[in-house]
Amino acid sequence: MSTKTTEDESMLQVVKRLDAIINIILETTKLDGKRLSDAKRIELLHTAGLRPIEISRILGKSLSNVGVQLSLMRKARSKKK
């Protein structure tokens, strides 16, 4: 196995672990004593600069689900203005 392949596999393992840690933090975070909704978690990750594909991977949601949620958030924001 080449060094490049080994490095790529190591990087993927690190990314998977970081995704799991982020998900655990979001799962255990409470706002006003209640678990964060999926929409709120998506909003937090998006605000932190993550792309929809990364958000879907972290939360275990489909990319289309994340896209719909982000679209609904944008619409809600534009109505407020």
N, C-alpha and C. Protein backbone atom coordinates (compact mmCIF):
# COMPACT_ATOMS: atom_id res chain seq x y z
N MET A 1 0.84 -1.17 0.00
CA MET A 1 0.00 0.00 0.00
C MET A 1 0.90 1.24 0.00
N SER A 2 0.54 2.24 -0.80
CA SER A 2 1.37 3.43 -0.90
C SER A 2 1.17 4.33 0.32
N THR A 3 2.13 5.21 0.51
CA THR A 3 2.06 6.15 1.63
C THR A 3 0.87 7.08 1.47
N LYS A 4 0.59 7.50 0.24
CA LYS A 4 -0.54 8.40 -0.04
C LYS A 4 -1.86 7.73 0.35
N THR A 5 -2.04 6.48 0.01
CA THR A 5 -3.26 5.76 0.35
C THR A 5 -3.41 5.65 1.86
N THR A 6 -2.34 5.36 2.54
CA THR A 6 -2.35 5.24 3.99
C THR A 6 -2.72 6.58 4.63
N GLU A 7 -2.15 7.66 4.11
CA GLU A 7 -2.45 9.00 4.63
C GLU A 7 -3.92 9.34 4.39
N ASP A 8 -4.43 9.01 3.21
CA ASP A 8 -5.83 9.28 2.89
C ASP A 8 -6.76 8.52 3.83
N GLU A 9 -6.45 7.25 4.07
CA GLU A 9 -7.26 6.44 4.98
C GLU A 9 -7.21 6.99 6.40
N SER A 10 -6.04 7.43 6.83
CA SER A 10 -5.90 8.02 8.16
C SER A 10 -6.72 9.29 8.28
N MET A 11 -6.69 10.10 7.23
CA MET A 11 -7.45 11.35 7.23
C MET A 11 -8.96 11.07 7.29
N LEU A 12 -9.41 10.07 6.55
CA LEU A 12 -10.83 9.70 6.59
C LEU A 12 -11.25 9.25 7.98
N GLN A 13 -10.40 8.52 8.66
CA GLN A 13 -10.69 8.07 10.02
C GLN A 13 -10.79 9.26 10.97
N VAL A 14 -9.92 10.24 10.81
CA VAL A 14 -9.96 11.44 11.64
C VAL A 14 -11.25 12.21 11.38
N VAL A 15 -11.61 12.36 10.12
CA VAL A 15 -12.84 13.08 9.76
C VAL A 15 -14.06 12.37 10.35
N LYS A 16 -14.12 11.06 10.26
CA LYS A 16 -15.25 10.31 10.81
C LYS A 16 -15.35 10.51 12.32
N ARG A 17 -14.22 10.52 12.99
CA ARG A 17 -14.23 10.70 14.44
C ARG A 17 -14.67 12.11 14.82
N LEU A 18 -14.19 13.10 14.09
CA LEU A 18 -14.60 14.48 14.35
C LEU A 18 -16.10 14.66 14.08
N ASP A 19 -16.59 14.06 13.01
CA ASP A 19 -18.03 14.11 12.72
C ASP A 19 -18.83 13.51 13.87
N ALA A 20 -18.36 12.40 14.39
CA ALA A 20 -19.05 11.74 15.50
C ALA A 20 -19.05 12.62 16.74
N ILE A 21 -17.94 13.27 17.02
CA ILE A 21 -17.84 14.15 18.18
C ILE A 21 -18.80 15.33 18.04
N ILE A 22 -18.83 15.93 16.86
CA ILE A 22 -19.75 17.05 16.63
C ILE A 22 -21.19 16.60 16.82
N ASN A 23 -21.52 15.44 16.29
CA ASN A 23 -22.88 14.93 16.42
C ASN A 23 -23.24 14.67 17.88
N ILE A 24 -22.32 14.11 18.64
CA ILE A 24 -22.57 13.86 20.06
C ILE A 24 -22.81 15.17 20.81
N ILE A 25 -22.00 16.17 20.51
CA ILE A 25 -22.17 17.47 21.16
C ILE A 25 -23.55 18.04 20.84
N LEU A 26 -23.94 17.97 19.57
CA LEU A 26 -25.25 18.49 19.19
C LEU A 26 -26.39 17.68 19.79
N GLU A 27 -26.22 16.37 19.90
CA GLU A 27 -27.25 15.51 20.48
C GLU A 27 -27.46 15.80 21.97
N THR A 28 -26.39 16.17 22.66
CA THR A 28 -26.49 16.37 24.10
C THR A 28 -26.73 17.83 24.49
N THR A 29 -26.66 18.73 23.53
CA THR A 29 -26.90 20.14 23.80
C THR A 29 -28.39 20.39 23.97
N LYS A 30 -28.72 21.16 24.97
CA LYS A 30 -30.13 21.48 25.21
C LYS A 30 -30.30 22.99 25.24
N LEU A 31 -31.44 23.43 24.75
CA LEU A 31 -31.79 24.84 24.76
C LEU A 31 -33.12 24.94 25.50
N ASP A 32 -33.14 25.69 26.59
CA ASP A 32 -34.33 25.80 27.43
C ASP A 32 -34.80 24.42 27.91
N GLY A 33 -33.85 23.55 28.20
CA GLY A 33 -34.16 22.23 28.71
C GLY A 33 -34.63 21.23 27.67
N LYS A 34 -34.66 21.64 26.40
CA LYS A 34 -35.11 20.75 25.34
C LYS A 34 -33.98 20.45 24.37
N ARG A 35 -34.04 19.26 23.81
CA ARG A 35 -33.07 18.85 22.79
C ARG A 35 -33.20 19.77 21.57
N LEU A 36 -32.07 20.08 20.93
CA LEU A 36 -32.10 20.91 19.73
C LEU A 36 -32.81 20.18 18.60
N SER A 37 -33.63 20.90 17.87
CA SER A 37 -34.31 20.30 16.72
C SER A 37 -33.29 20.07 15.60
N ASP A 38 -33.66 19.21 14.68
CA ASP A 38 -32.79 18.97 13.53
C ASP A 38 -32.55 20.27 12.77
N ALA A 39 -33.59 21.08 12.63
CA ALA A 39 -33.45 22.35 11.91
C ALA A 39 -32.45 23.26 12.61
N LYS A 40 -32.49 23.31 13.92
CA LYS A 40 -31.56 24.16 14.68
C LYS A 40 -30.13 23.64 14.55
N ARG A 41 -29.97 22.33 14.57
CA ARG A 41 -28.63 21.76 14.42
C ARG A 41 -28.08 22.07 13.03
N ILE A 42 -28.93 21.96 12.02
CA ILE A 42 -28.51 22.28 10.65
C ILE A 42 -28.12 23.75 10.57
N GLU A 43 -28.92 24.60 11.19
CA GLU A 43 -28.64 26.03 11.17
C GLU A 43 -27.30 26.34 11.84
N LEU A 44 -27.05 25.71 13.00
CA LEU A 44 -25.78 25.94 13.71
C LEU A 44 -24.58 25.51 12.87
N LEU A 45 -24.67 24.35 12.27
CA LEU A 45 -23.56 23.86 11.46
C LEU A 45 -23.36 24.71 10.21
N HIS A 46 -24.45 25.14 9.61
CA HIS A 46 -24.36 26.00 8.43
C HIS A 46 -23.73 27.36 8.80
N THR A 47 -24.16 27.90 9.92
CA THR A 47 -23.61 29.17 10.40
C THR A 47 -22.12 29.05 10.71
N ALA A 48 -21.71 27.86 11.12
CA ALA A 48 -20.30 27.61 11.42
C ALA A 48 -19.46 27.45 10.14
N GLY A 49 -20.14 27.47 8.98
CA GLY A 49 -19.41 27.43 7.72
C GLY A 49 -19.34 26.08 7.05
N LEU A 50 -20.07 25.10 7.57
CA LEU A 50 -20.05 23.78 6.95
C LEU A 50 -20.97 23.76 5.73
N ARG A 51 -20.56 23.00 4.73
CA ARG A 51 -21.36 22.84 3.52
C ARG A 51 -22.46 21.82 3.77
N PRO A 52 -23.53 21.89 2.97
CA PRO A 52 -24.64 20.95 3.15
C PRO A 52 -24.20 19.48 3.14
N ILE A 53 -23.27 19.11 2.29
CA ILE A 53 -22.81 17.71 2.23
C ILE A 53 -22.15 17.32 3.55
N GLU A 54 -21.41 18.24 4.16
CA GLU A 54 -20.76 17.96 5.44
C GLU A 54 -21.80 17.86 6.55
N ILE A 55 -22.79 18.73 6.52
CA ILE A 55 -23.86 18.71 7.52
C ILE A 55 -24.62 17.39 7.44
N SER A 56 -24.94 16.97 6.23
CA SER A 56 -25.69 15.72 6.07
C SER A 56 -24.89 14.53 6.58
N ARG A 57 -23.60 14.55 6.35
CA ARG A 57 -22.74 13.46 6.82
C ARG A 57 -22.68 13.44 8.35
N ILE A 58 -22.52 14.59 8.96
CA ILE A 58 -22.40 14.68 10.41
C ILE A 58 -23.69 14.24 11.10
N LEU A 59 -24.81 14.71 10.59
CA LEU A 59 -26.09 14.43 11.24
C LEU A 59 -26.74 13.13 10.80
N GLY A 60 -26.20 12.53 9.76
CA GLY A 60 -26.79 11.29 9.27
C GLY A 60 -28.11 11.53 8.56
N LYS A 61 -28.26 12.70 7.99
CA LYS A 61 -29.47 13.06 7.24
C LYS A 61 -29.14 13.06 5.76
N SER A 62 -30.17 12.94 4.93
CA SER A 62 -29.91 12.98 3.50
C SER A 62 -29.54 14.40 3.08
N LEU A 63 -28.81 14.50 2.00
CA LEU A 63 -28.42 15.80 1.48
C LEU A 63 -29.66 16.61 1.09
N SER A 64 -30.66 15.94 0.54
CA SER A 64 -31.88 16.66 0.15
C SER A 64 -32.61 17.20 1.38
N ASN A 65 -32.61 16.45 2.48
CA ASN A 65 -33.24 16.92 3.71
C ASN A 65 -32.55 18.19 4.20
N VAL A 66 -31.24 18.19 4.21
CA VAL A 66 -30.48 19.36 4.66
C VAL A 66 -30.75 20.53 3.72
N GLY A 67 -30.78 20.28 2.43
CA GLY A 67 -31.05 21.33 1.46
C GLY A 67 -32.42 21.96 1.65
N VAL A 68 -33.42 21.13 1.91
CA VAL A 68 -34.78 21.64 2.15
C VAL A 68 -34.80 22.49 3.41
N GLN A 69 -34.18 22.01 4.47
CA GLN A 69 -34.15 22.77 5.72
C GLN A 69 -33.47 24.13 5.54
N LEU A 70 -32.35 24.15 4.81
CA LEU A 70 -31.65 25.41 4.57
C LEU A 70 -32.50 26.35 3.73
N SER A 71 -33.19 25.81 2.76
CA SER A 71 -34.07 26.62 1.92
C SER A 71 -35.21 27.22 2.75
N LEU A 72 -35.80 26.43 3.62
CA LEU A 72 -36.86 26.94 4.49
C LEU A 72 -36.35 28.04 5.41
N MET A 73 -35.12 27.88 5.89
CA MET A 73 -34.53 28.90 6.76
C MET A 73 -34.32 30.21 6.00
N ARG A 74 -33.83 30.10 4.76
CA ARG A 74 -33.62 31.31 3.95
C ARG A 74 -34.95 32.02 3.69
N LYS A 75 -35.99 31.25 3.38
CA LYS A 75 -37.31 31.84 3.13
C LYS A 75 -37.84 32.54 4.38
N ALA A 76 -37.66 31.91 5.54
CA ALA A 76 -38.13 32.49 6.79
C ALA A 76 -37.38 33.79 7.08
N ARG A 77 -36.08 33.79 6.82
CA ARG A 77 -35.28 35.00 7.03
C ARG A 77 -35.70 36.13 6.12
N SER A 78 -35.99 35.80 4.85
CA SER A 78 -36.37 36.84 3.89
C SER A 78 -37.74 37.41 4.22
N LYS A 79 -38.63 36.63 4.83
CA LYS A 79 -39.94 37.12 5.24
C LYS A 79 -39.82 38.11 6.40
N LYS A 80 -38.83 37.89 7.27
CA LYS A 80 -38.62 38.77 8.42
C LYS A 80 -38.15 40.15 7.97
N LYS A 81 -37.46 40.22 6.83
CA LYS A 81 -36.90 41.51 6.37
C LYS A 81 -37.89 42.31 5.67
